[in-house]
Amino acid sequence: MMFKTKLKKYFLQKRFPLEIYVPSKKTEPNSMIQIPSAWQGLELIIEDILDRFQIGRDSCIEFGVEFGFSAVVFSNYFKNVKGVDTFSGDVHTSHKGDHYTQTKHSLASFENIKLYKSDYKDWIKQDVQQYDFAHVDIVHNYKETYECGLWAVQHSKCCIFHDTESFSEVRKAVFDIAKKTGKTGYNYPYHHGLGIIV
């Protein structure tokens, strides 16, 4: 099984080459929420990304909040965090059904997080704001990741994408968006992969 995983990673890197991101430090955020998440482990490199690329700390937008693990991570570093999600799951999530109220309740003590129940398609039609940072972790199909991700890259200084190692379609979208925008694409190959475009 391990050989198969290594082979998959090798071919992903060959098909969609992204510079491997090597953090110079790992930092545990001060405030965390204790819920299971595929995002666990990535919280340790967010401050490193922000420092390395000199990202402002005012605003962050996240597409794909689910239960709020990553939104809480971002709330440690940004004055304002917007979380946009349908809060109903998708084909790649284990939870199905509306969980907006549950997530809102879990994040109530984090006053700098504002949740919006919306599909990314509707959101990007009306939002013209520029953000310091963006995170895309929606349905892991190429079309949706590319469409949402391109908007996010064009509206932020730095955009990250979860699941570049788990879903080749996400990695391909990151590669194509970086190429189209003339920005640099990186990949952190742990915890299901984190694409970074800056």
Protein backbone atom coordinates (compact mmCIF):
# COMPACT_ATOMS: atom_id res chain seq x y z
CA MET A 1 0.00 0.00 0.00
CA MET A 2 2.83 2.41 0.89
CA PHE A 3 4.49 1.77 -2.48
CA LYS A 4 1.21 2.54 -4.26
CA THR A 5 0.86 5.83 -2.34
CA LYS A 6 4.44 6.86 -3.16
CA LEU A 7 3.90 5.98 -6.81
CA LYS A 8 0.71 8.06 -6.91
CA LYS A 9 2.54 11.05 -5.40
CA TYR A 10 5.39 10.64 -7.88
CA PHE A 11 3.04 10.70 -10.87
CA LEU A 12 1.04 13.64 -9.48
CA GLN A 13 4.27 15.64 -9.16
CA LYS A 14 5.32 14.67 -12.70
CA ARG A 15 1.95 15.59 -14.26
CA PHE A 16 1.33 18.75 -12.24
CA PRO A 17 4.71 19.94 -10.95
CA LEU A 18 4.45 22.31 -8.01
CA GLU A 19 7.38 23.45 -5.90
CA ILE A 20 7.40 21.51 -2.63
CA TYR A 21 6.67 23.80 0.30
CA VAL A 22 9.05 23.27 3.21
CA PRO A 23 8.06 25.24 6.31
CA SER A 24 10.86 26.84 8.31
CA LYS A 25 8.79 26.63 11.51
CA LYS A 26 5.68 24.95 12.84
CA THR A 27 3.45 26.82 15.27
CA GLU A 28 0.39 25.66 17.18
CA PRO A 29 -2.31 28.38 17.06
CA ASN A 30 -3.42 29.72 20.45
CA SER A 31 -7.11 28.91 19.95
CA MET A 32 -8.33 25.64 18.48
CA ILE A 33 -11.60 23.73 18.31
CA GLN A 34 -11.60 20.08 19.29
CA ILE A 35 -13.34 18.34 16.41
CA PRO A 36 -12.14 15.63 14.02
CA SER A 37 -10.92 17.11 10.74
CA ALA A 38 -8.94 16.04 7.69
CA TRP A 39 -7.27 19.44 8.11
CA GLN A 40 -5.49 18.43 11.35
CA GLY A 41 -1.74 19.00 11.07
CA LEU A 42 -2.03 21.87 8.59
CA GLU A 43 -2.72 24.37 11.37
CA LEU A 44 0.99 24.10 12.25
CA ILE A 45 2.20 25.72 9.00
CA ILE A 46 -0.26 28.61 8.54
CA GLU A 47 1.79 31.17 10.45
CA ASP A 48 4.88 30.10 8.48
CA ILE A 49 3.05 30.69 5.18
CA LEU A 50 1.82 34.10 6.32
CA ASP A 51 5.27 35.17 7.50
CA ARG A 52 7.20 33.82 4.52
CA PHE A 53 5.02 35.55 1.95
CA GLN A 54 4.41 38.67 4.07
CA ILE A 55 0.63 38.30 4.03
CA GLY A 56 -1.44 41.00 5.74
CA ARG A 57 -3.50 39.98 8.75
CA ASP A 58 -6.76 41.84 8.13
CA SER A 59 -9.03 39.62 6.04
CA CYS A 60 -9.48 35.97 5.13
CA ILE A 61 -12.17 34.24 3.10
CA GLU A 62 -12.78 30.52 3.26
CA PHE A 63 -14.83 28.47 0.81
CA GLY A 64 -15.72 25.16 2.45
CA VAL A 65 -16.08 25.61 6.20
CA GLU A 66 -17.73 22.28 7.04
CA PHE A 67 -17.54 22.16 10.88
CA GLY A 68 -15.11 25.06 11.28
CA PHE A 69 -11.72 23.55 12.13
CA SER A 70 -9.77 25.60 9.58
CA ALA A 71 -11.90 28.73 10.14
CA VAL A 72 -10.87 28.68 13.80
CA VAL A 73 -7.22 28.27 12.78
CA PHE A 74 -7.50 31.37 10.56
CA SER A 75 -9.24 33.32 13.33
CA ASN A 76 -5.93 33.26 15.23
CA TYR A 77 -4.20 35.23 12.48
CA PHE A 78 -6.82 37.48 10.84
CA LYS A 79 -9.00 40.28 12.18
CA ASN A 80 -11.92 39.09 10.04
CA VAL A 81 -12.65 35.61 8.69
CA LYS A 82 -15.57 35.01 6.30
CA GLY A 83 -16.67 31.41 5.97
CA VAL A 84 -18.77 30.54 2.92
CA ASP A 85 -20.37 27.11 2.67
CA THR A 86 -23.65 25.44 1.76
CA PHE A 87 -23.31 23.55 5.07
CA SER A 88 -24.93 20.49 3.51
CA GLY A 89 -21.94 18.35 2.57
CA ASP A 90 -21.07 17.06 -0.89
CA VAL A 91 -20.11 13.84 -2.67
CA HIS A 92 -16.69 13.86 -0.98
CA THR A 93 -17.80 14.45 2.62
CA SER A 94 -19.00 11.84 5.06
CA HIS A 95 -21.58 14.19 6.62
CA LYS A 96 -24.71 14.89 4.62
CA GLY A 97 -27.51 17.22 5.63
CA ASP A 98 -27.73 20.76 6.92
CA HIS A 99 -25.22 21.51 9.69
CA TYR A 100 -25.17 25.33 9.53
CA THR A 101 -26.78 25.79 12.96
CA GLN A 102 -24.44 23.24 14.55
CA THR A 103 -21.35 24.90 13.05
CA LYS A 104 -22.56 28.40 13.94
CA HIS A 105 -23.11 27.29 17.54
CA SER A 106 -19.66 25.64 17.73
CA LEU A 107 -17.96 28.83 16.48
CA ALA A 108 -20.05 31.33 18.49
CA SER A 109 -17.17 32.25 20.80
CA PHE A 110 -14.95 33.22 17.85
CA GLU A 111 -16.29 36.71 17.27
CA ASN A 112 -14.08 37.45 14.26
CA ILE A 113 -15.59 34.56 12.24
CA LYS A 114 -18.71 35.31 10.20
CA LEU A 115 -20.46 32.40 8.49
CA TYR A 116 -22.45 32.73 5.27
CA LYS A 117 -24.72 29.97 4.00
CA SER A 118 -24.12 30.26 0.28
CA ASP A 119 -22.86 28.37 -2.71
CA TYR A 120 -19.51 29.69 -3.93
CA LYS A 121 -21.07 30.29 -7.39
CA ASP A 122 -23.53 32.80 -5.97
CA TRP A 123 -20.92 34.35 -3.69
CA ILE A 124 -18.30 35.11 -6.34
CA LYS A 125 -20.87 36.83 -8.57
CA GLN A 126 -21.42 39.59 -6.02
CA ASP A 127 -18.21 39.89 -3.95
CA VAL A 128 -15.66 42.38 -5.34
CA GLN A 129 -13.58 42.65 -2.15
CA GLN A 130 -9.86 41.93 -2.04
CA TYR A 131 -8.64 39.68 0.79
CA ASP A 132 -5.25 39.07 2.32
CA PHE A 133 -5.78 35.32 2.30
CA ALA A 134 -8.17 32.75 0.83
CA HIS A 135 -8.81 29.05 1.41
CA VAL A 136 -10.61 26.72 -1.01
CA ASP A 137 -11.78 23.34 0.30
CA ILE A 138 -15.02 22.65 -1.58
CA VAL A 139 -16.19 19.64 -3.59
CA HIS A 140 -12.98 18.14 -4.95
CA ASN A 141 -13.81 18.23 -8.65
CA TYR A 142 -11.72 20.10 -11.20
CA LYS A 143 -14.42 22.43 -12.57
CA GLU A 144 -15.62 23.70 -9.20
CA THR A 145 -12.14 23.96 -7.66
CA TYR A 146 -10.82 25.81 -10.72
CA GLU A 147 -13.76 28.22 -10.90
CA CYS A 148 -13.81 29.06 -7.19
CA GLY A 149 -10.01 28.94 -6.93
CA LEU A 150 -9.39 31.28 -9.85
CA TRP A 151 -11.71 33.86 -8.28
CA ALA A 152 -10.02 33.39 -4.88
CA VAL A 153 -6.51 33.78 -6.34
CA GLN A 154 -7.57 36.91 -8.21
CA HIS A 155 -9.09 38.35 -5.01
CA SER A 156 -6.30 37.57 -2.53
CA LYS A 157 -2.56 37.86 -2.10
CA CYS A 158 -2.28 34.18 -1.15
CA CYS A 159 -4.71 31.29 -1.64
CA ILE A 160 -4.46 27.77 -0.26
CA PHE A 161 -6.24 24.62 -1.44
CA HIS A 162 -6.76 21.50 0.68
CA ASP A 163 -6.50 17.93 -0.67
CA THR A 164 -3.88 18.29 -3.41
CA GLU A 165 -2.52 14.85 -2.50
CA SER A 166 -5.88 13.11 -2.05
CA PHE A 167 -7.56 14.39 -5.21
CA SER A 168 -5.62 14.79 -8.47
CA GLU A 169 -8.36 17.10 -9.78
CA VAL A 170 -7.59 19.60 -6.99
CA ARG A 171 -3.87 19.47 -7.73
CA LYS A 172 -4.50 19.93 -11.46
CA ALA A 173 -6.69 22.97 -10.71
CA VAL A 174 -3.95 24.49 -8.52
CA PHE A 175 -1.35 23.89 -11.24
CA ASP A 176 -3.58 25.40 -13.95
CA ILE A 177 -4.59 28.43 -11.87
CA ALA A 178 -0.97 29.23 -10.98
CA LYS A 179 -0.04 28.96 -14.65
CA LYS A 180 -2.96 31.13 -15.82
CA THR A 181 -2.38 33.87 -13.23
CA GLY A 182 1.42 33.89 -13.51
CA LYS A 183 1.74 33.23 -9.78
CA THR A 184 3.86 30.61 -8.06
CA GLY A 185 2.29 27.33 -7.03
CA TYR A 186 3.56 25.26 -4.10
CA ASN A 187 2.46 21.97 -2.61
CA TYR A 188 2.83 20.84 0.99
CA PRO A 189 2.55 17.05 0.58
CA TYR A 190 1.27 16.13 4.06
CA HIS A 191 -2.16 15.90 5.72
CA HIS A 192 -3.86 15.22 2.36
CA GLY A 193 -1.86 18.02 0.68
CA LEU A 194 -2.06 21.78 0.72
CA GLY A 195 -1.67 23.76 -2.49
CA ILE A 196 -0.43 27.33 -2.09
CA ILE A 197 -0.63 30.01 -4.79
CA VAL A 198 1.10 33.31 -4.14
